[in-house]
Amino acid sequence: MKVLGLALLWLLVVPGGNFFVRWVLGRVPAAQAKPGLEAAGRWIGYLERTLILALLLSGNPAGVGFVFAGKAIARFSEREQVEYYLLGTFASFTWAVVLALFYLALA
């Protein structure tokens, strides 16, 4: 039963997080992804939410900072790109952390 719960949590956090991030980004009128980057951003989000979930469930919350620091390598020339990127990153992190903490509180 615990395996089933973890599988459902992963489905809710990882693919489900994509819907949440798109919803958040859709609320910002000026937020537009650059053509060709949408699929890459989705897969990066899947990986970051999987890592965050694994780190939190394994009792290593400090590791979440390393995931965020790894994303800090990205460089953008336009302010709108930076804001879009940060908004998506924080939405993704928030979704993963809140659901992981909710699961841990119930477990």
Foldseek 3Di string as FASTA:
>chain_A
DVVVVVVVLLCCQQVVLVVQLVVQQVVDVLADDDPPCPVVLSVLLNVLLVVCLVCVVVPNNVCNVVSVVVVVVDDDDDPSVVVNVVSSVVSSNVSSVVSSVVVVVVD
